[in-house]
Amino acid sequence: AILATIAIVLGVTREADDW
């Protein structure tokens, strides 16, 4: 569960960084 949350957070961060 924790790993999944980290993956989601990293995904959101990447999308935000892509801006």
N, C-alpha and C. Protein backbone atom coordinates (compact mmCIF):
# COMPACT_ATOMS: atom_id res chain seq x y z
N ALA A 1 0.86 -1.20 0.00
CA ALA A 1 0.00 0.00 0.00
C ALA A 1 0.89 1.25 0.00
N ILE A 2 1.93 1.21 0.81
CA ILE A 2 2.82 2.38 0.89
C ILE A 2 3.51 2.59 -0.46
N LEU A 3 3.99 1.50 -1.04
CA LEU A 3 4.68 1.62 -2.34
C LEU A 3 3.75 2.21 -3.37
N ALA A 4 2.51 1.79 -3.37
CA ALA A 4 1.54 2.31 -4.34
C ALA A 4 1.36 3.81 -4.13
N THR A 5 1.27 4.24 -2.88
CA THR A 5 1.11 5.67 -2.61
C THR A 5 2.31 6.45 -3.10
N ILE A 6 3.51 5.91 -2.86
CA ILE A 6 4.73 6.59 -3.32
C ILE A 6 4.71 6.71 -4.83
N ALA A 7 4.34 5.63 -5.51
CA ALA A 7 4.29 5.65 -6.98
C ALA A 7 3.34 6.73 -7.46
N ILE A 8 2.18 6.86 -6.82
CA ILE A 8 1.20 7.88 -7.21
C ILE A 8 1.77 9.27 -6.98
N VAL A 9 2.39 9.47 -5.82
CA VAL A 9 2.97 10.79 -5.51
C VAL A 9 4.05 11.13 -6.53
N LEU A 10 4.90 10.16 -6.84
CA LEU A 10 5.97 10.41 -7.83
C LEU A 10 5.34 10.75 -9.17
N GLY A 11 4.28 10.06 -9.55
CA GLY A 11 3.61 10.32 -10.82
C GLY A 11 3.08 11.75 -10.85
N VAL A 12 2.43 12.18 -9.77
CA VAL A 12 1.88 13.54 -9.73
C VAL A 12 3.01 14.56 -9.80
N THR A 13 4.10 14.27 -9.08
CA THR A 13 5.23 15.20 -9.08
C THR A 13 5.80 15.32 -10.48
N ARG A 14 5.91 14.20 -11.18
CA ARG A 14 6.45 14.23 -12.54
C ARG A 14 5.55 15.06 -13.44
N GLU A 15 4.26 14.88 -13.32
CA GLU A 15 3.34 15.65 -14.17
C GLU A 15 3.46 17.14 -13.85
N ALA A 16 3.55 17.47 -12.58
CA ALA A 16 3.67 18.88 -12.19
C ALA A 16 5.01 19.43 -12.69
N ASP A 17 6.06 18.60 -12.61
CA ASP A 17 7.38 19.06 -13.04
C ASP A 17 7.39 19.24 -14.56
N ASP A 18 6.56 18.46 -15.25
CA ASP A 18 6.51 18.54 -16.71
C ASP A 18 5.97 19.89 -17.15
N TRP A 19 5.19 20.53 -16.29
CA TRP A 19 4.65 21.84 -16.62
C TRP A 19 5.79 22.84 -16.76
